[in-house]
N, C-alpha and C. Protein backbone atom coordinates (compact mmCIF):
# COMPACT_ATOMS: atom_id res chain seq x y z
N MET A 1 0.02 -61.06 56.24
CA MET A 1 1.22 -61.44 55.56
C MET A 1 2.40 -60.53 56.25
N SER A 2 3.67 -61.24 56.42
CA SER A 2 4.65 -60.41 57.02
C SER A 2 5.30 -59.60 55.96
N ILE A 3 6.19 -58.74 56.20
CA ILE A 3 6.83 -57.80 55.50
C ILE A 3 7.60 -58.49 54.51
N ALA A 4 8.44 -59.44 54.81
CA ALA A 4 9.03 -60.20 53.89
C ALA A 4 8.04 -60.90 52.86
N ASP A 5 6.97 -61.55 53.06
CA ASP A 5 6.14 -62.11 52.22
C ASP A 5 5.54 -60.96 51.45
N GLN A 6 5.17 -59.86 51.76
CA GLN A 6 4.72 -58.76 51.12
C GLN A 6 5.72 -58.50 49.89
N LEU A 7 6.79 -58.28 50.37
CA LEU A 7 7.95 -57.61 49.51
C LEU A 7 7.99 -58.82 48.48
N VAL A 8 8.37 -60.06 48.56
CA VAL A 8 8.44 -61.08 47.76
C VAL A 8 7.45 -61.09 46.52
N SER A 9 6.16 -60.84 47.18
CA SER A 9 5.12 -60.97 46.49
C SER A 9 4.85 -59.74 45.42
N ILE A 10 5.32 -58.34 45.76
CA ILE A 10 5.20 -57.24 44.96
C ILE A 10 6.37 -57.46 43.86
N LYS A 11 7.68 -57.84 44.43
CA LYS A 11 8.82 -58.03 43.52
C LYS A 11 8.43 -59.17 42.47
N SER A 12 7.58 -60.04 42.76
CA SER A 12 7.56 -61.16 41.62
C SER A 12 6.49 -60.79 40.60
N LYS A 13 6.03 -59.73 40.74
CA LYS A 13 5.03 -59.07 39.84
C LYS A 13 5.61 -57.97 39.05
N LEU A 14 6.62 -57.59 39.29
CA LEU A 14 7.53 -56.21 38.93
C LEU A 14 8.36 -56.64 37.68
N PRO A 15 8.14 -55.77 36.43
CA PRO A 15 8.91 -56.26 35.45
C PRO A 15 10.53 -55.92 35.70
N LYS A 16 11.50 -56.58 35.00
CA LYS A 16 12.88 -56.51 35.52
C LYS A 16 13.28 -55.22 35.41
N THR A 17 12.53 -54.19 34.30
CA THR A 17 12.99 -52.96 34.08
C THR A 17 12.65 -52.07 35.14
N VAL A 18 11.91 -52.37 36.07
CA VAL A 18 11.33 -51.31 37.15
C VAL A 18 12.14 -51.63 38.48
N THR A 19 12.56 -50.56 38.98
CA THR A 19 13.34 -50.58 40.39
C THR A 19 12.06 -50.30 41.53
N LEU A 20 12.39 -51.06 42.52
CA LEU A 20 11.51 -50.91 43.70
C LEU A 20 12.04 -50.11 44.80
N VAL A 21 11.45 -48.96 44.99
CA VAL A 21 11.94 -48.22 46.34
C VAL A 21 11.16 -48.40 47.44
N ALA A 22 11.40 -49.28 48.41
CA ALA A 22 10.64 -49.59 49.73
C ALA A 22 10.42 -48.25 50.53
N VAL A 23 9.43 -47.81 50.50
CA VAL A 23 9.32 -46.22 51.32
C VAL A 23 9.19 -46.71 52.82
N SER A 24 10.29 -46.44 53.63
CA SER A 24 10.25 -47.00 55.00
C SER A 24 10.07 -45.84 56.14
N LYS A 25 9.47 -44.70 55.44
CA LYS A 25 9.16 -43.63 56.34
C LYS A 25 8.26 -43.83 57.67
N THR A 26 8.67 -43.49 58.82
CA THR A 26 8.02 -43.62 60.10
C THR A 26 8.21 -45.30 60.54
N LYS A 27 8.78 -46.18 59.85
CA LYS A 27 8.89 -47.38 60.12
C LYS A 27 10.09 -47.66 60.94
N PRO A 28 10.33 -48.62 61.91
CA PRO A 28 11.21 -48.87 62.73
C PRO A 28 12.28 -49.67 61.99
N ASN A 29 13.47 -49.49 62.56
CA ASN A 29 14.69 -50.29 61.81
C ASN A 29 14.54 -51.97 61.77
N THR A 30 13.70 -52.35 62.70
CA THR A 30 13.38 -53.77 62.55
C THR A 30 12.80 -54.26 61.24
N ASP A 31 11.66 -53.22 60.98
CA ASP A 31 10.99 -53.52 59.71
C ASP A 31 11.94 -53.45 58.44
N ILE A 32 12.86 -52.41 58.37
CA ILE A 32 13.60 -52.33 57.38
C ILE A 32 14.63 -53.43 57.09
N LEU A 33 15.10 -53.79 58.26
CA LEU A 33 15.91 -55.05 58.24
C LEU A 33 15.39 -56.33 57.76
N GLU A 34 14.02 -56.31 58.23
CA GLU A 34 13.34 -57.65 57.74
C GLU A 34 13.23 -57.41 55.90
N ALA A 35 13.03 -56.32 55.46
CA ALA A 35 13.01 -56.21 53.92
C ALA A 35 14.51 -56.37 53.42
N TYR A 36 15.30 -55.96 54.28
CA TYR A 36 16.78 -55.95 53.87
C TYR A 36 17.23 -57.52 53.86
N SER A 37 16.91 -58.15 54.76
CA SER A 37 17.13 -59.68 54.84
C SER A 37 16.55 -60.49 53.42
N GLU A 38 15.51 -60.04 52.82
CA GLU A 38 15.02 -60.41 51.62
C GLU A 38 15.74 -59.85 50.43
N GLY A 39 16.66 -59.02 50.58
CA GLY A 39 17.54 -58.77 49.39
C GLY A 39 17.10 -57.20 49.18
N GLN A 40 16.35 -56.53 49.72
CA GLN A 40 15.93 -55.26 49.35
C GLN A 40 17.03 -54.25 49.70
N ARG A 41 17.45 -53.31 48.91
CA ARG A 41 18.51 -52.63 49.12
C ARG A 41 18.15 -50.93 48.86
N VAL A 42 17.02 -50.78 48.23
CA VAL A 42 16.69 -49.17 48.05
C VAL A 42 15.49 -48.99 48.95
N PHE A 43 15.87 -47.84 49.70
CA PHE A 43 14.70 -47.27 50.54
C PHE A 43 14.39 -45.85 50.41
N GLY A 44 13.26 -45.35 50.79
CA GLY A 44 12.99 -44.24 50.48
C GLY A 44 12.39 -43.54 51.91
N GLU A 45 12.97 -42.31 52.08
CA GLU A 45 12.62 -41.51 53.35
C GLU A 45 11.99 -40.24 53.02
N ASN A 46 11.03 -39.51 53.70
CA ASN A 46 10.63 -38.22 53.25
C ASN A 46 11.00 -37.08 54.29
N LYS A 47 11.80 -37.61 55.38
CA LYS A 47 12.02 -36.53 56.39
C LYS A 47 13.66 -36.70 56.49
N VAL A 48 14.30 -35.39 56.46
CA VAL A 48 15.69 -35.59 56.47
C VAL A 48 16.28 -36.22 57.86
N GLN A 49 15.66 -35.62 58.95
CA GLN A 49 16.27 -36.10 60.23
C GLN A 49 16.04 -37.48 60.47
N GLU A 50 14.96 -38.08 60.03
CA GLU A 50 14.86 -39.65 59.98
C GLU A 50 15.62 -40.35 59.18
N LEU A 51 16.02 -39.86 57.85
CA LEU A 51 16.85 -40.32 56.90
C LEU A 51 18.34 -40.44 57.48
N VAL A 52 18.77 -39.26 58.03
CA VAL A 52 20.13 -39.42 58.51
C VAL A 52 20.26 -40.42 59.72
N LYS A 53 19.42 -40.33 60.71
CA LYS A 53 19.42 -41.30 61.89
C LYS A 53 19.35 -42.75 61.32
N LYS A 54 18.62 -43.10 60.30
CA LYS A 54 18.59 -44.29 59.76
C LYS A 54 19.85 -44.69 59.02
N GLN A 55 20.31 -44.01 58.25
CA GLN A 55 21.55 -44.03 57.65
C GLN A 55 22.77 -44.43 58.55
N GLU A 56 22.81 -43.82 59.55
CA GLU A 56 23.78 -44.04 60.56
C GLU A 56 23.70 -45.28 61.21
N GLU A 57 22.54 -45.61 61.49
CA GLU A 57 22.26 -46.93 62.24
C GLU A 57 22.19 -48.30 61.54
N LEU A 58 21.93 -48.11 60.16
CA LEU A 58 21.66 -49.18 59.33
C LEU A 58 22.78 -49.84 58.48
N PRO A 59 22.72 -50.84 57.72
CA PRO A 59 23.74 -51.44 56.90
C PRO A 59 24.22 -50.31 55.87
N LYS A 60 25.46 -50.21 55.65
CA LYS A 60 25.97 -49.30 54.73
C LYS A 60 25.80 -49.53 53.28
N ASP A 61 25.36 -50.69 53.07
CA ASP A 61 25.10 -50.94 51.45
C ASP A 61 23.71 -50.54 51.15
N ILE A 62 22.92 -50.03 51.83
CA ILE A 62 21.70 -49.45 51.54
C ILE A 62 21.55 -48.21 50.67
N GLN A 63 21.00 -48.35 49.63
CA GLN A 63 20.87 -46.92 48.82
C GLN A 63 19.75 -46.13 49.48
N TRP A 64 19.84 -45.01 49.80
CA TRP A 64 18.97 -44.15 50.51
C TRP A 64 18.26 -43.21 49.37
N HIS A 65 17.05 -43.18 49.14
CA HIS A 65 16.51 -42.05 48.34
C HIS A 65 15.63 -41.37 49.21
N MET A 66 15.87 -39.85 48.78
CA MET A 66 15.16 -38.83 49.43
C MET A 66 13.70 -38.55 48.66
N ILE A 67 12.73 -38.90 49.20
CA ILE A 67 11.49 -38.88 48.07
C ILE A 67 10.59 -37.74 48.61
N GLY A 68 10.73 -37.15 49.74
CA GLY A 68 9.89 -35.97 50.10
C GLY A 68 10.29 -34.69 49.64
N HIS A 69 9.38 -33.67 50.17
CA HIS A 69 9.69 -32.19 49.68
C HIS A 69 10.92 -31.75 50.50
N LEU A 70 12.02 -31.49 49.97
CA LEU A 70 13.39 -31.19 50.38
C LEU A 70 13.48 -29.68 50.47
N GLN A 71 13.78 -29.19 51.59
CA GLN A 71 14.18 -27.76 51.90
C GLN A 71 15.59 -27.71 51.84
N ARG A 72 15.83 -26.39 51.29
CA ARG A 72 17.43 -26.19 50.98
C ARG A 72 18.25 -26.02 52.17
N ASN A 73 17.72 -25.66 53.23
CA ASN A 73 18.59 -25.81 54.45
C ASN A 73 18.98 -27.15 55.04
N LYS A 74 18.30 -28.21 54.33
CA LYS A 74 18.32 -29.45 55.03
C LYS A 74 19.25 -30.25 53.94
N VAL A 75 19.46 -29.73 52.83
CA VAL A 75 20.37 -30.51 51.97
C VAL A 75 21.63 -30.93 52.36
N LYS A 76 22.33 -30.15 53.10
CA LYS A 76 23.67 -30.37 53.78
C LYS A 76 23.83 -31.53 54.46
N PHE A 77 22.74 -32.23 55.24
CA PHE A 77 22.54 -33.23 56.10
C PHE A 77 22.66 -34.48 55.31
N ILE A 78 22.05 -34.51 54.08
CA ILE A 78 22.19 -35.85 53.44
C ILE A 78 22.92 -36.01 52.06
N ALA A 79 23.68 -34.72 51.91
CA ALA A 79 24.59 -34.66 50.59
C ALA A 79 25.82 -35.66 50.89
N PRO A 80 26.09 -36.03 52.02
CA PRO A 80 27.33 -37.05 52.11
C PRO A 80 27.09 -38.38 51.77
N PHE A 81 25.81 -38.87 51.66
CA PHE A 81 25.54 -40.04 51.43
C PHE A 81 24.34 -40.34 50.40
N VAL A 82 23.28 -39.56 50.17
CA VAL A 82 22.09 -39.73 49.44
C VAL A 82 22.49 -40.41 48.25
N THR A 83 21.66 -41.35 47.54
CA THR A 83 21.94 -42.14 46.33
C THR A 83 20.96 -41.12 45.33
N LEU A 84 19.77 -40.97 45.73
CA LEU A 84 18.95 -40.17 44.70
C LEU A 84 18.08 -39.36 45.39
N ILE A 85 17.97 -38.02 44.90
CA ILE A 85 16.87 -36.99 45.42
C ILE A 85 15.83 -37.24 44.40
N HIS A 86 14.47 -37.39 44.90
CA HIS A 86 13.22 -37.56 44.02
C HIS A 86 12.74 -36.17 43.64
N GLY A 87 12.48 -35.51 44.70
CA GLY A 87 11.60 -34.28 44.67
C GLY A 87 12.12 -32.87 44.16
N VAL A 88 12.90 -32.79 43.42
CA VAL A 88 13.81 -31.60 42.82
C VAL A 88 12.59 -30.74 42.22
N ASP A 89 12.04 -29.62 42.82
CA ASP A 89 11.27 -28.89 42.20
C ASP A 89 11.53 -27.54 42.00
N ASN A 90 12.63 -27.04 42.43
CA ASN A 90 13.06 -25.45 41.89
C ASN A 90 14.59 -25.50 41.68
N LEU A 91 14.76 -24.69 40.80
CA LEU A 91 16.16 -24.34 40.70
C LEU A 91 17.15 -23.90 41.69
N LYS A 92 16.51 -23.19 42.62
CA LYS A 92 17.54 -22.84 43.78
C LYS A 92 17.79 -23.90 44.56
N LEU A 93 16.98 -25.09 44.59
CA LEU A 93 17.30 -26.20 45.53
C LEU A 93 18.33 -27.08 44.69
N LEU A 94 18.25 -26.93 43.38
CA LEU A 94 19.23 -27.62 42.45
C LEU A 94 20.71 -26.84 42.68
N GLN A 95 20.65 -25.69 42.89
CA GLN A 95 21.84 -24.83 43.03
C GLN A 95 22.55 -25.40 44.43
N GLU A 96 21.67 -25.59 45.41
CA GLU A 96 21.97 -25.76 46.79
C GLU A 96 22.74 -27.15 46.86
N ILE A 97 22.02 -28.13 46.28
CA ILE A 97 22.57 -29.59 45.94
C ILE A 97 23.73 -29.65 45.32
N ASP A 98 23.89 -28.97 44.19
CA ASP A 98 25.27 -28.92 43.65
C ASP A 98 26.47 -28.32 44.53
N LYS A 99 26.03 -27.24 45.01
CA LYS A 99 26.96 -26.64 46.31
C LYS A 99 27.66 -27.56 47.14
N ARG A 100 26.61 -28.51 47.66
CA ARG A 100 26.85 -29.41 48.87
C ARG A 100 27.54 -30.48 48.17
N ALA A 101 27.23 -30.98 47.07
CA ALA A 101 27.99 -32.22 46.25
C ALA A 101 29.28 -31.82 46.20
N VAL A 102 29.73 -30.44 45.90
CA VAL A 102 31.11 -30.15 45.76
C VAL A 102 31.79 -30.16 46.97
N GLN A 103 31.23 -29.80 48.21
CA GLN A 103 31.75 -29.86 49.43
C GLN A 103 32.17 -31.31 49.74
N ASN A 104 31.29 -32.31 49.37
CA ASN A 104 31.36 -33.70 49.80
C ASN A 104 32.17 -34.53 48.70
N ASN A 105 32.60 -33.69 47.66
CA ASN A 105 33.40 -34.48 46.43
C ASN A 105 32.69 -35.59 45.75
N ARG A 106 31.19 -35.28 45.57
CA ARG A 106 30.73 -36.28 44.85
C ARG A 106 29.62 -35.66 44.00
N LYS A 107 29.04 -36.57 43.11
CA LYS A 107 27.97 -36.22 42.22
C LYS A 107 26.83 -36.73 42.69
N ILE A 108 25.80 -35.76 42.72
CA ILE A 108 24.64 -36.29 43.45
C ILE A 108 23.61 -36.53 42.35
N ASP A 109 22.90 -37.70 42.29
CA ASP A 109 21.91 -37.91 41.14
C ASP A 109 20.34 -37.35 41.70
N CYS A 110 19.93 -36.65 40.70
CA CYS A 110 18.44 -36.11 41.05
C CYS A 110 17.38 -36.24 39.94
N LEU A 111 16.21 -36.22 40.35
CA LEU A 111 15.10 -36.28 39.39
C LEU A 111 14.39 -34.98 39.49
N LEU A 112 13.82 -34.61 38.41
CA LEU A 112 13.05 -33.36 38.49
C LEU A 112 11.50 -33.55 38.74
N GLN A 113 10.91 -33.24 39.87
CA GLN A 113 9.59 -33.39 40.08
C GLN A 113 8.67 -32.45 39.23
N VAL A 114 7.77 -33.27 38.56
CA VAL A 114 6.94 -32.62 37.55
C VAL A 114 5.55 -32.56 38.28
N HIS A 115 4.79 -31.27 38.12
CA HIS A 115 3.52 -31.42 38.55
C HIS A 115 2.46 -31.91 37.53
N ILE A 116 1.91 -33.12 37.78
CA ILE A 116 0.90 -33.52 37.02
C ILE A 116 -0.42 -33.93 37.53
N ALA A 117 -0.69 -33.53 38.93
CA ALA A 117 -1.99 -33.63 39.44
C ALA A 117 -2.70 -32.61 39.35
N LYS A 118 -4.04 -32.79 39.73
CA LYS A 118 -5.06 -31.74 39.68
C LYS A 118 -5.15 -31.22 40.97
N GLU A 119 -4.08 -31.40 42.04
CA GLU A 119 -4.21 -30.78 43.30
C GLU A 119 -3.11 -29.72 43.52
N ASP A 120 -3.35 -28.75 44.07
CA ASP A 120 -2.40 -27.83 44.34
C ASP A 120 -1.31 -28.00 45.42
N THR A 121 -1.97 -28.99 46.33
CA THR A 121 -0.97 -29.33 47.30
C THR A 121 0.47 -30.00 46.84
N LYS A 122 0.44 -30.64 45.52
CA LYS A 122 1.59 -31.25 45.10
C LYS A 122 2.56 -30.22 44.34
N PHE A 123 3.82 -30.66 44.56
CA PHE A 123 5.03 -29.69 44.05
C PHE A 123 5.32 -30.01 42.91
N GLY A 124 5.99 -29.03 42.21
CA GLY A 124 6.77 -29.60 40.96
C GLY A 124 6.98 -28.58 39.97
N PHE A 125 7.66 -28.72 38.96
CA PHE A 125 7.83 -27.89 37.72
C PHE A 125 6.67 -28.29 36.83
N GLY A 126 6.30 -27.08 36.20
CA GLY A 126 5.23 -27.30 35.05
C GLY A 126 5.85 -28.20 33.90
N ILE A 127 4.89 -28.91 33.14
CA ILE A 127 5.32 -29.73 32.06
C ILE A 127 6.23 -29.01 31.00
N GLN A 128 5.97 -27.67 30.84
CA GLN A 128 6.53 -26.97 29.72
C GLN A 128 7.88 -26.38 30.24
N GLU A 129 7.99 -26.45 31.63
CA GLU A 129 9.45 -25.77 32.05
C GLU A 129 10.35 -26.92 32.06
N VAL A 130 10.31 -28.30 31.87
CA VAL A 130 11.24 -29.27 31.95
C VAL A 130 12.45 -29.02 31.03
N THR A 131 12.48 -28.51 30.03
CA THR A 131 13.55 -28.46 28.98
C THR A 131 14.37 -27.42 29.42
N GLN A 132 13.55 -26.15 29.87
CA GLN A 132 14.19 -24.93 30.12
C GLN A 132 15.42 -25.29 31.49
N VAL A 133 14.62 -25.93 32.44
CA VAL A 133 15.47 -26.46 33.59
C VAL A 133 16.72 -27.12 33.22
N LEU A 134 16.41 -28.15 32.46
CA LEU A 134 17.71 -29.07 32.19
C LEU A 134 18.57 -28.24 31.42
N PHE A 135 18.23 -27.26 30.58
CA PHE A 135 19.30 -26.31 29.85
C PHE A 135 20.06 -25.29 31.10
N ALA A 136 19.17 -25.05 32.01
CA ALA A 136 19.58 -24.05 33.04
C ALA A 136 20.53 -24.84 33.93
N THR A 137 20.46 -26.03 34.03
CA THR A 137 21.34 -26.84 34.92
C THR A 137 22.45 -27.39 34.39
N SER A 138 22.86 -27.46 32.96
CA SER A 138 23.79 -27.92 32.20
C SER A 138 25.12 -27.58 32.71
N SER A 139 25.13 -26.28 33.48
CA SER A 139 26.56 -25.66 33.84
C SER A 139 26.70 -26.37 35.31
N PHE A 140 25.77 -26.82 36.02
CA PHE A 140 26.27 -27.70 37.38
C PHE A 140 27.01 -28.77 37.25
N LYS A 141 28.12 -28.94 37.94
CA LYS A 141 29.18 -30.03 37.37
C LYS A 141 28.79 -31.23 38.32
N ASN A 142 28.23 -30.82 39.65
CA ASN A 142 28.30 -32.04 40.67
C ASN A 142 26.82 -32.64 40.79
N ILE A 143 25.81 -32.36 39.90
CA ILE A 143 24.62 -33.15 40.05
C ILE A 143 24.41 -33.51 38.70
N ARG A 144 23.71 -34.80 38.63
CA ARG A 144 23.45 -35.22 37.51
C ARG A 144 21.63 -35.51 37.52
N ILE A 145 21.10 -34.88 36.43
CA ILE A 145 19.49 -34.98 36.38
C ILE A 145 19.29 -36.42 35.47
N VAL A 146 18.82 -37.55 36.16
CA VAL A 146 18.73 -38.83 35.64
C VAL A 146 17.38 -39.03 35.24
N GLY A 147 16.59 -38.16 35.50
CA GLY A 147 15.15 -38.40 35.14
C GLY A 147 14.07 -37.62 35.56
N LEU A 148 12.71 -38.04 35.65
CA LEU A 148 11.67 -37.17 36.18
C LEU A 148 10.90 -38.08 37.31
N MET A 149 10.15 -37.29 37.92
CA MET A 149 9.42 -37.91 39.29
C MET A 149 7.90 -37.15 39.24
N GLY A 150 6.87 -37.93 39.28
CA GLY A 150 5.56 -37.39 39.37
C GLY A 150 4.59 -38.27 40.04
N MET A 151 3.67 -37.48 40.89
CA MET A 151 2.58 -38.02 41.64
C MET A 151 1.19 -37.58 41.11
N ALA A 152 0.46 -38.60 40.87
CA ALA A 152 -0.81 -38.50 40.22
C ALA A 152 -1.77 -38.02 41.22
N THR A 153 -3.18 -37.36 40.90
CA THR A 153 -4.08 -36.89 41.68
C THR A 153 -4.46 -38.26 42.61
N PHE A 154 -4.83 -37.75 43.89
CA PHE A 154 -5.20 -38.84 44.90
C PHE A 154 -6.84 -38.99 44.60
N THR A 155 -7.18 -39.99 43.71
CA THR A 155 -8.39 -40.15 43.33
C THR A 155 -8.88 -41.75 42.97
N ASN A 156 -10.00 -41.99 42.97
CA ASN A 156 -10.34 -43.42 42.55
C ASN A 156 -10.63 -43.57 41.15
N ASP A 157 -10.46 -42.24 40.25
CA ASP A 157 -10.60 -42.41 39.01
C ASP A 157 -9.44 -42.88 38.36
N ASN A 158 -9.30 -44.03 37.80
CA ASN A 158 -8.14 -44.75 37.12
C ASN A 158 -7.82 -44.14 35.85
N ASN A 159 -8.97 -43.73 35.07
CA ASN A 159 -8.74 -43.06 33.60
C ASN A 159 -7.98 -41.62 34.01
N GLN A 160 -8.11 -40.89 35.03
CA GLN A 160 -7.51 -39.78 35.35
C GLN A 160 -5.97 -40.03 35.64
N ILE A 161 -5.94 -40.93 36.67
CA ILE A 161 -4.60 -41.35 37.09
C ILE A 161 -3.64 -41.68 35.80
N LYS A 162 -4.30 -42.67 34.82
CA LYS A 162 -3.57 -43.01 33.68
C LYS A 162 -3.06 -41.92 32.68
N GLU A 163 -4.16 -40.85 32.68
CA GLU A 163 -3.73 -39.85 31.70
C GLU A 163 -2.70 -38.77 32.36
N GLU A 164 -2.77 -38.88 33.59
CA GLU A 164 -1.72 -37.96 34.18
C GLU A 164 -0.18 -38.59 34.16
N PHE A 165 -0.17 -39.83 34.41
CA PHE A 165 1.09 -40.72 34.21
C PHE A 165 1.58 -40.58 32.90
N LYS A 166 0.40 -40.73 31.86
CA LYS A 166 0.74 -40.63 30.53
C LYS A 166 1.38 -39.49 30.00
N SER A 167 0.89 -38.27 30.64
CA SER A 167 1.47 -36.97 30.31
C SER A 167 2.87 -36.78 30.68
N LEU A 168 3.33 -37.29 31.83
CA LEU A 168 4.78 -37.53 32.25
C LEU A 168 5.36 -38.29 31.60
N LYS A 169 4.90 -39.31 30.96
CA LYS A 169 5.88 -40.19 29.97
C LYS A 169 6.16 -39.52 29.02
N THR A 170 5.07 -38.90 28.36
CA THR A 170 5.47 -38.06 27.02
C THR A 170 6.58 -37.17 27.17
N VAL A 171 6.48 -36.14 28.31
CA VAL A 171 7.71 -35.41 28.52
C VAL A 171 8.83 -36.01 28.87
N PHE A 172 9.03 -37.18 29.42
CA PHE A 172 9.93 -37.98 29.66
C PHE A 172 10.57 -38.76 28.29
N ASN A 173 9.75 -38.88 27.50
CA ASN A 173 10.13 -39.46 26.09
C ASN A 173 11.17 -38.53 25.30
N SER A 174 10.56 -37.12 25.68
CA SER A 174 10.96 -36.05 24.81
C SER A 174 12.40 -35.71 25.24
N ILE A 175 12.82 -36.03 26.36
CA ILE A 175 14.01 -35.55 27.08
C ILE A 175 15.20 -36.70 27.10
N LYS A 176 14.58 -37.93 27.04
CA LYS A 176 15.28 -39.32 27.42
C LYS A 176 16.57 -39.19 26.63
N ASN A 177 17.63 -39.74 27.31
CA ASN A 177 19.03 -39.68 26.59
C ASN A 177 19.67 -40.80 27.45
N ASP A 178 20.95 -40.92 27.16
CA ASP A 178 21.93 -41.96 27.80
C ASP A 178 21.71 -41.76 29.23
N ASN A 179 21.86 -40.50 29.67
CA ASN A 179 21.86 -39.77 31.31
C ASN A 179 20.39 -39.99 31.84
N ILE A 180 19.60 -39.71 31.02
CA ILE A 180 18.29 -39.55 31.64
C ILE A 180 17.34 -40.79 31.31
N THR A 181 17.28 -41.67 32.34
CA THR A 181 16.87 -42.94 32.23
C THR A 181 15.68 -43.45 33.14
N THR A 182 15.49 -42.55 34.18
CA THR A 182 14.44 -42.89 35.30
C THR A 182 13.24 -42.37 35.29
N LEU A 183 12.33 -42.80 35.15
CA LEU A 183 11.05 -42.18 35.28
C LEU A 183 10.19 -42.81 36.46
N SER A 184 10.05 -41.93 37.69
CA SER A 184 9.78 -42.41 39.00
C SER A 184 8.22 -41.92 39.17
N MET A 185 7.38 -42.94 38.92
CA MET A 185 6.03 -42.52 39.33
C MET A 185 5.33 -44.06 39.53
N GLY A 186 4.28 -43.58 40.51
CA GLY A 186 3.42 -44.86 41.05
C GLY A 186 3.90 -45.29 42.42
N MET A 187 2.83 -45.29 43.49
CA MET A 187 2.97 -45.74 44.79
C MET A 187 2.23 -46.70 45.05
N SER A 188 1.87 -47.22 46.31
CA SER A 188 1.29 -48.48 46.76
C SER A 188 -0.34 -48.54 46.04
N GLY A 189 -0.79 -47.22 45.92
CA GLY A 189 -2.35 -47.42 45.50
C GLY A 189 -2.31 -47.39 43.92
N ASP A 190 -1.38 -47.02 43.36
CA ASP A 190 -1.41 -46.85 41.69
C ASP A 190 -0.05 -47.46 41.02
N TYR A 191 0.61 -48.10 41.54
CA TYR A 191 1.96 -48.30 40.79
C TYR A 191 1.68 -49.35 39.69
N PRO A 192 0.62 -50.37 39.80
CA PRO A 192 0.50 -51.00 38.53
C PRO A 192 0.15 -50.20 37.33
N LEU A 193 -0.73 -49.27 37.88
CA LEU A 193 -1.17 -48.19 36.52
C LEU A 193 0.16 -47.62 35.90
N ALA A 194 0.97 -47.22 36.96
CA ALA A 194 2.06 -46.42 36.65
C ALA A 194 3.16 -47.32 35.63
N ILE A 195 3.50 -48.65 35.91
CA ILE A 195 3.97 -49.41 35.03
C ILE A 195 3.55 -49.47 33.88
N GLU A 196 2.24 -49.67 33.79
CA GLU A 196 1.38 -49.70 32.51
C GLU A 196 1.63 -48.64 31.59
N GLN A 197 1.97 -47.53 32.27
CA GLN A 197 2.36 -46.37 31.21
C GLN A 197 3.96 -45.86 31.30
N GLY A 198 4.69 -46.77 31.75
CA GLY A 198 5.98 -46.78 31.24
C GLY A 198 6.96 -46.34 32.41
N SER A 199 6.40 -46.45 33.80
CA SER A 199 7.33 -46.22 34.91
C SER A 199 8.57 -47.00 34.84
N THR A 200 9.88 -46.56 35.37
CA THR A 200 10.90 -47.41 35.62
C THR A 200 11.20 -47.56 37.17
N MET A 201 10.47 -46.91 37.95
CA MET A 201 10.75 -46.66 39.36
C MET A 201 9.43 -46.55 40.04
N VAL A 202 9.00 -47.40 40.84
CA VAL A 202 7.83 -47.28 41.95
C VAL A 202 8.27 -46.85 43.49
N ARG A 203 7.60 -46.22 43.95
CA ARG A 203 7.84 -45.97 45.49
C ARG A 203 6.48 -46.60 46.28
N VAL A 204 7.06 -47.87 46.96
CA VAL A 204 6.04 -48.49 47.55
C VAL A 204 6.32 -48.53 48.88
N GLY A 205 5.08 -48.07 49.85
CA GLY A 205 5.39 -48.31 51.38
C GLY A 205 4.52 -49.15 52.15
N SER A 206 3.21 -48.55 52.07
CA SER A 206 2.15 -49.19 52.81
C SER A 206 1.81 -50.79 52.42
N ALA A 207 1.98 -51.01 50.98
CA ALA A 207 1.73 -52.41 50.55
C ALA A 207 2.75 -53.20 51.05
N ILE A 208 3.95 -52.51 51.39
CA ILE A 208 5.17 -53.57 51.82
C ILE A 208 5.08 -53.73 53.56
N PHE A 209 4.92 -52.43 54.08
CA PHE A 209 5.23 -52.26 55.54
C PHE A 209 3.96 -52.31 56.37
N GLY A 210 2.73 -52.28 55.68
CA GLY A 210 1.53 -52.00 56.18
C GLY A 210 1.28 -50.57 56.48
N HIS A 211 -0.02 -50.24 56.86
CA HIS A 211 -0.57 -48.66 57.08
C HIS A 211 0.33 -48.12 58.04
N ARG A 212 0.46 -46.94 57.84
CA ARG A 212 1.23 -46.07 59.03
C ARG A 212 0.07 -45.49 59.90
N ASN A 213 0.57 -45.12 61.25
CA ASN A 213 -0.37 -44.53 62.16
C ASN A 213 -0.64 -43.27 61.86
């Protein structure tokens, strides 16, 4: 199946309430343009350098999401244009995003990454920390915390994945308000389970663009 066909197929199965982020990391501009020609406008990248280059070269109405682990010294490169930063996992990073947003005279939307997996390699705030972080960031004027993001353990145990997504949904429900409306969970391998547990945003790459080298 072509990229366009895969995209149409996935979109046809998504509820209207779920936003699809097409994860285009390592993929050439031609692949992104094929998805773009099918109406896809939200794309996710995980490397700052690649994100900046693509933003310069591709249509300006694309909404770029930074979905990877973001280092503070790289924030300045994406602050002028990024639509949403998914993986915000510490307060110093939030301070830096706020500072760079002020310099660019804009407000930047962020998701707090919450550690729900049984793997130490994943980043994120602890479930108990989320409320404290929201309180600590209430003084930042140029960022908006619009929701939460989490990644489940890489496992074939669907029950474990469901439980992890469920735990994130519980935290999300406890802080949800008019501004906090996005729950980003679910990737190519587990997004149907994530939607079942209440995800409002899924990050799908290989199921659209094919496997990466």
